[in-house]
Amino acid sequence: MRAGTEHTRLVILRGNSASGKSSVAAGLRARFGRGLALVAQDNLRRVVLREHDRPGAATIGLTARHALDAGFHVVVEGILHADRYGAMLTRLHTDHRGRSHAYYLDVPLDETLARHATKPIADTVGESRLREWYRPCDLLPGGIETVITADSALHETVDRIMRETGLDRLPAVDC
């Protein structure tokens, strides 16, 4: 089932907890403006649906497809482990009529733990939980992701993705 148009952009941002995904997604949205939908795994799963993370959950893909079909550019952001979400994300990437880009933010465990310690949920989600969740280089099948390492500053990562996806050359949409 095809999704979006030849004019829409799809950006998939994945990585471990505290790798910077949400900050990058927020930076992309701030730079682009209206017309860019943010499909954030944590918000959709925890806040909107209040569901557990489980294999085969269709919410991320369906929401992204709907937004693409409505003419929005879409950023899908989350941990989105490859074994649970790989097939769905690969299908979405392939089915999208426009330009699709996928990025994996590769941050070492020690840096992940240090970043997590500064988050409001640090008291609720401890180091042992983060160690359980952490998966080094959990790339999607097919080599569709560009790996961005921890030495890329937030503004550099946002600039790079804006440039590589062409979002920096598109006008904001009044949706």
Protein backbone atom coordinates (compact mmCIF):
# COMPACT_ATOMS: atom_id res chain seq x y z
CA MET A 1 0.00 0.00 0.00
CA ARG A 2 1.68 3.20 -1.19
CA ALA A 3 1.87 6.21 1.16
CA GLY A 4 2.25 9.95 0.74
CA THR A 5 3.06 11.76 -2.48
CA GLU A 6 6.22 12.35 -4.47
CA HIS A 7 6.48 15.70 -2.63
CA THR A 8 6.34 14.40 0.96
CA ARG A 9 9.40 13.52 3.02
CA LEU A 10 9.68 10.70 5.52
CA VAL A 11 12.38 10.77 8.19
CA ILE A 12 12.85 7.82 10.54
CA LEU A 13 14.94 8.57 13.67
CA ARG A 14 15.96 5.64 15.82
CA GLY A 15 18.41 4.95 18.62
CA ASN A 16 18.70 3.91 22.22
CA SER A 17 17.15 5.79 25.10
CA ALA A 18 18.80 9.20 25.64
CA SER A 19 20.52 9.14 22.24
CA GLY A 20 18.99 12.50 21.28
CA LYS A 21 16.11 11.36 19.05
CA SER A 22 13.47 13.59 20.63
CA SER A 23 15.79 16.61 20.62
CA VAL A 24 16.64 16.09 16.95
CA ALA A 25 12.96 15.64 16.05
CA ALA A 26 12.04 18.82 17.94
CA GLY A 27 14.87 20.66 16.16
CA LEU A 28 13.63 19.49 12.76
CA ARG A 29 10.09 20.60 13.56
CA ALA A 30 11.27 23.98 14.87
CA ARG A 31 13.38 24.58 11.76
CA PHE A 32 10.74 23.46 9.27
CA GLY A 33 7.56 24.83 10.81
CA ARG A 34 3.99 23.79 9.99
CA GLY A 35 3.45 20.81 7.75
CA LEU A 36 5.85 18.46 9.51
CA ALA A 37 4.13 15.79 11.62
CA LEU A 38 6.02 14.27 14.53
CA VAL A 39 5.09 10.63 15.16
CA ALA A 40 6.86 10.03 18.47
CA GLN A 41 6.79 6.47 19.79
CA ASP A 42 6.80 7.46 23.47
CA ASN A 43 3.99 9.97 23.11
CA LEU A 44 1.80 7.75 20.94
CA ARG A 45 2.35 4.61 22.99
CA ARG A 46 2.47 6.01 26.53
CA VAL A 47 0.28 9.12 26.36
CA VAL A 48 -2.21 8.76 23.50
CA LEU A 49 -2.87 5.00 23.64
CA ARG A 50 -1.41 4.03 27.01
CA GLU A 51 -0.28 0.67 25.64
CA HIS A 52 2.69 -1.60 26.22
CA ASP A 53 5.49 -1.83 23.68
CA ARG A 54 4.72 -5.03 21.81
CA PRO A 55 5.67 -6.66 18.53
CA GLY A 56 3.23 -6.03 15.71
CA ALA A 57 1.74 -2.82 17.14
CA ALA A 58 0.41 -0.96 14.12
CA THR A 59 0.00 2.50 15.63
CA ILE A 60 3.28 4.05 14.49
CA GLY A 61 2.98 2.92 10.87
CA LEU A 62 -0.70 3.76 10.55
CA THR A 63 -0.26 7.22 12.04
CA ALA A 64 2.73 7.96 9.79
CA ARG A 65 0.91 6.72 6.68
CA HIS A 66 -2.17 8.79 7.49
CA ALA A 67 -0.09 11.95 7.95
CA LEU A 68 1.86 11.31 4.71
CA ASP A 69 -1.39 10.73 2.82
CA ALA A 70 -2.72 14.04 4.21
CA GLY A 71 0.30 15.82 2.70
CA PHE A 72 2.43 16.22 5.81
CA HIS A 73 6.15 15.53 5.89
CA VAL A 74 6.67 13.01 8.70
CA VAL A 75 9.33 12.36 11.31
CA VAL A 76 8.93 8.96 13.01
CA GLU A 77 10.96 8.99 16.21
CA GLY A 78 11.60 6.37 18.87
CA ILE A 79 13.74 3.54 20.15
CA LEU A 80 11.78 1.29 17.77
CA HIS A 81 13.87 -1.85 18.24
CA ALA A 82 14.63 -3.53 14.92
CA ASP A 83 13.24 -6.92 15.95
CA ARG A 84 9.85 -5.41 16.83
CA TYR A 85 9.51 -2.58 14.32
CA GLY A 86 11.99 -3.40 11.53
CA ALA A 87 9.54 -4.96 9.10
CA MET A 88 6.96 -2.18 9.57
CA LEU A 89 9.52 0.62 9.23
CA THR A 90 11.12 -0.99 6.18
CA ARG A 91 7.69 -1.33 4.53
CA LEU A 92 6.86 2.29 5.35
CA HIS A 93 10.22 3.41 3.93
CA THR A 94 9.64 1.37 0.75
CA ASP A 95 5.96 2.26 0.33
CA HIS A 96 6.48 6.00 0.65
CA ARG A 97 6.18 7.71 -2.76
CA GLY A 98 8.42 10.63 -1.80
CA ARG A 99 11.94 10.78 -0.44
CA SER A 100 12.51 8.55 2.59
CA HIS A 101 15.49 8.76 4.92
CA ALA A 102 16.33 6.71 8.01
CA TYR A 103 18.87 7.61 10.70
CA TYR A 104 20.22 5.69 13.65
CA LEU A 105 21.71 7.78 16.48
CA ASP A 106 24.57 5.65 17.76
CA VAL A 107 25.46 6.64 21.32
CA PRO A 108 27.64 4.43 23.56
CA LEU A 109 26.11 3.03 26.75
CA ASP A 110 28.21 5.22 29.07
CA GLU A 111 27.05 8.37 27.26
CA THR A 112 23.46 7.09 27.27
CA LEU A 113 23.62 6.65 31.06
CA ALA A 114 25.12 10.12 31.56
CA ARG A 115 22.47 11.77 29.39
CA HIS A 116 19.65 9.83 31.04
CA ALA A 117 20.77 11.02 34.48
CA THR A 118 19.80 14.58 33.46
CA LYS A 119 16.23 13.62 32.45
CA PRO A 120 13.15 14.10 34.64
CA ILE A 121 12.42 10.34 34.50
CA ALA A 122 15.89 9.41 35.84
CA ASP A 123 14.42 8.75 39.31
CA THR A 124 11.71 6.52 37.87
CA VAL A 125 13.74 4.62 35.25
CA GLY A 126 17.05 3.54 36.73
CA GLU A 127 20.40 2.55 35.32
CA SER A 128 19.63 -1.18 35.46
CA ARG A 129 16.55 -0.67 33.28
CA LEU A 130 18.55 1.34 30.74
CA ARG A 131 21.16 -1.39 30.61
CA GLU A 132 18.39 -3.94 29.88
CA TRP A 133 16.97 -1.77 27.08
CA TYR A 134 20.30 -0.87 25.49
CA ARG A 135 21.07 -2.54 22.17
CA PRO A 136 24.32 -1.59 20.46
CA CYS A 137 23.99 -0.80 16.75
CA ASP A 138 20.42 -2.12 16.44
CA LEU A 139 20.18 -1.30 12.74
CA LEU A 140 17.23 -2.00 10.46
CA PRO A 141 17.65 -4.72 7.85
CA GLY A 142 18.66 -3.75 4.34
CA GLY A 143 21.15 -1.03 5.24
CA ILE A 144 18.60 1.78 4.91
CA GLU A 145 19.83 3.78 7.90
CA THR A 146 22.54 6.40 8.06
CA VAL A 147 24.43 6.12 11.35
CA ILE A 148 25.08 9.37 13.20
CA THR A 149 27.57 9.07 16.04
CA ALA A 150 27.56 10.76 19.45
CA ASP A 151 30.22 13.28 18.38
CA SER A 152 27.69 15.05 16.12
CA ALA A 153 26.30 18.04 18.03
CA LEU A 154 22.54 18.56 18.07
CA HIS A 155 22.62 21.53 15.67
CA GLU A 156 24.96 19.62 13.32
CA THR A 157 22.63 16.63 13.27
CA VAL A 158 19.56 18.79 12.61
CA ASP A 159 21.41 20.69 9.86
CA ARG A 160 22.56 17.45 8.26
CA ILE A 161 19.11 15.85 8.23
CA MET A 162 17.46 19.05 6.94
CA ARG A 163 20.00 19.16 4.11
CA GLU A 164 20.04 15.44 3.22
CA THR A 165 16.24 15.15 3.17
CA GLY A 166 15.72 18.39 1.27
CA LEU A 167 13.50 19.80 4.02
CA ASP A 168 15.76 22.88 4.07
CA ARG A 169 14.63 23.69 0.51
CA LEU A 170 10.89 23.18 0.96
CA PRO A 171 8.41 25.81 2.11
CA ALA A 172 6.44 25.23 5.29
CA VAL A 173 2.92 24.03 4.55
CA ASP A 174 -0.23 25.63 5.92
CA CYS A 175 -2.05 22.45 6.99
